[in-house]
Every structure is written in structure tokens, then in C-alpha cells.
């Protein structure tokens, strides 16, 4: 099982500049519409994760986000099996846009 981060908890961690990496597993077209600004940002679509997970820092905490939480949950399950320290962003970008940044247009 993996941890869950609410959008507010993620924002707090990013604001405090904790060593948290953000992994967005949405498709390129979704990323082009809206994304969370973060200095430690990684974009790997879920379908490419098996081939590209080595790009992620194995020794850091990683918050995983998608549109609504489903794909990021699958990504977390996969990454836990590879011994990464991950947390799923609850509600994904839809919740982030609703609770944190209503200027984002997430479809």
C-alpha cells in the first residue's frame, strides 16, 4: 500500500521546499493543458513508466499525480514494487484545480 497526499498537503510540502519530487503520469496533451509548477518535476506517461522509471530518484519521496487519481494509483502500485517511496495525490489535477489553483483548466 502507498501513502495518500491531499492537494493541500502537496502544496504545503512544495511551499516548504521539502525534497519532494512530483511525477505526472498523464499524457502529453493533458500536461499541455495544465500542470503543477515544481522544481523537481518529472513527466512520464503511465504507459511509458515500465521503460522509464529509472529516470526517477530511488532515494527521494515522489508524489504521483494524474487527472483524477486512477492512473497515479496504478503508477504508485508499480513503483512500490520497484522499491520507490511514493504517495498518490488524492483526486489528481481535478482536485488540485478545485482546491489550490482554480485558474487551471483541467478537462
Protein backbone atom coordinates (compact mmCIF):
# COMPACT_ATOMS: atom_id res chain seq x y z
CA UNK A 1 0.00 0.00 0.00
CA UNK A 2 1.09 3.56 -0.63
CA UNK A 3 0.51 6.88 1.11
CA UNK A 4 -2.07 9.44 0.03
CA UNK A 5 -1.43 13.19 -0.21
CA UNK A 6 -4.29 15.67 -0.39
CA UNK A 7 -3.76 18.63 -2.71
CA UNK A 8 -3.36 20.85 0.38
CA UNK A 9 -0.67 18.55 1.81
CA UNK A 10 1.14 18.55 -1.52
CA UNK A 11 1.01 22.35 -1.74
CA UNK A 12 2.34 22.65 1.80
CA UNK A 13 5.23 20.28 1.02
CA UNK A 14 6.06 22.18 -2.18
CA UNK A 15 5.83 25.56 -0.42
CA UNK A 16 8.16 24.35 2.32
CA UNK A 17 10.59 23.23 -0.39
CA UNK A 18 10.77 19.73 1.05
CA UNK A 19 12.75 17.32 -1.07
CA UNK A 20 9.66 16.06 -2.80
CA UNK A 21 9.63 15.06 -6.44
CA UNK A 22 6.45 15.29 -8.46
CA UNK A 23 5.70 12.67 -11.11
CA UNK A 24 2.91 13.45 -13.57
CA UNK A 25 1.73 10.30 -15.37
CA UNK A 26 -0.79 11.96 -17.69
CA UNK A 27 -0.45 12.04 -21.47
CA UNK A 28 1.41 14.86 -23.24
CA UNK A 29 -1.82 16.54 -24.36
CA UNK A 30 -3.13 16.62 -20.78
CA UNK A 31 0.14 18.05 -19.49
CA UNK A 32 -0.02 20.81 -22.11
CA UNK A 33 -3.39 21.92 -20.70
CA UNK A 34 -2.30 22.31 -17.07
CA UNK A 35 0.42 21.25 -14.70
CA UNK A 36 1.69 21.84 -11.19
CA UNK A 37 4.78 24.03 -11.03
CA UNK A 38 7.52 22.25 -9.13
CA UNK A 39 11.32 22.40 -9.26
CA UNK A 40 11.60 18.60 -9.03
CA UNK A 41 9.12 17.74 -11.78
CA UNK A 42 9.09 14.57 -13.88
CA UNK A 43 6.70 13.70 -16.67
CA UNK A 44 6.43 10.04 -17.59
CA UNK A 45 3.09 8.91 -19.08
CA UNK A 46 1.79 5.80 -17.35
CA UNK A 47 2.24 3.72 -20.49
CA UNK A 48 5.98 4.53 -20.51
CA UNK A 49 6.62 4.04 -16.80
CA UNK A 50 7.93 0.46 -17.04
CA UNK A 51 10.60 1.55 -19.52
CA UNK A 52 11.47 4.88 -17.91
CA UNK A 53 11.11 4.51 -14.13
CA UNK A 54 14.91 4.57 -13.76
CA UNK A 55 14.74 8.31 -14.52
CA UNK A 56 13.19 8.80 -11.06
CA UNK A 57 15.25 9.27 -7.89
CA UNK A 58 15.13 6.00 -5.96
CA UNK A 59 16.12 7.65 -2.69
CA UNK A 60 13.60 10.54 -2.66
CA UNK A 61 9.90 10.86 -1.86
CA UNK A 62 7.76 11.06 -5.00
CA UNK A 63 4.22 12.43 -5.23
CA UNK A 64 2.38 10.94 -8.22
CA UNK A 65 -0.41 12.82 -9.97
CA UNK A 66 -2.76 12.22 -12.91
CA UNK A 67 -6.13 13.69 -13.87
CA UNK A 68 -8.29 12.18 -11.12
CA UNK A 69 -6.18 9.69 -9.17
CA UNK A 70 -6.72 6.40 -11.03
CA UNK A 71 -3.62 6.26 -13.22
CA UNK A 72 -1.44 7.67 -10.47
CA UNK A 73 -2.72 4.93 -8.16
CA UNK A 74 -1.62 2.32 -10.72
CA UNK A 75 1.74 4.08 -11.05
CA UNK A 76 2.17 4.04 -7.26
CA UNK A 77 1.45 0.32 -7.12
CA UNK A 78 4.04 -0.31 -9.83
CA UNK A 79 6.67 1.95 -8.24
CA UNK A 80 6.18 0.45 -4.76
CA UNK A 81 7.08 -2.90 -6.33
CA UNK A 82 10.30 -1.28 -7.58
CA UNK A 83 11.06 0.00 -4.03
CA UNK A 84 10.31 3.68 -4.66
CA UNK A 85 8.87 5.87 -1.88
CA UNK A 86 5.63 7.20 -3.37
CA UNK A 87 2.37 8.89 -2.44
CA UNK A 88 -0.71 9.30 -4.61
CA UNK A 89 -2.15 12.81 -4.96
CA UNK A 90 -5.79 12.34 -3.97
CA UNK A 91 -8.18 13.49 -6.67
CA UNK A 92 -5.35 14.35 -9.06
CA UNK A 93 -5.26 17.51 -11.13
CA UNK A 94 -9.04 17.91 -10.87
CA UNK A 95 -8.73 18.28 -7.09
CA UNK A 96 -5.62 20.48 -7.42
CA UNK A 97 -7.50 22.85 -9.75
CA UNK A 98 -10.54 22.88 -7.46
CA UNK A 99 -8.74 23.27 -4.12
CA UNK A 100 -5.47 25.04 -4.95
CA UNK A 101 -5.39 26.71 -8.36
CA UNK A 102 -8.83 27.38 -9.86
CA UNK A 103 -7.19 29.20 -12.80
CA UNK A 104 -6.17 25.81 -14.23
CA UNK A 105 -8.48 24.33 -16.83
CA UNK A 106 -8.36 20.55 -16.35
CA UNK A 107 -10.64 18.52 -18.61
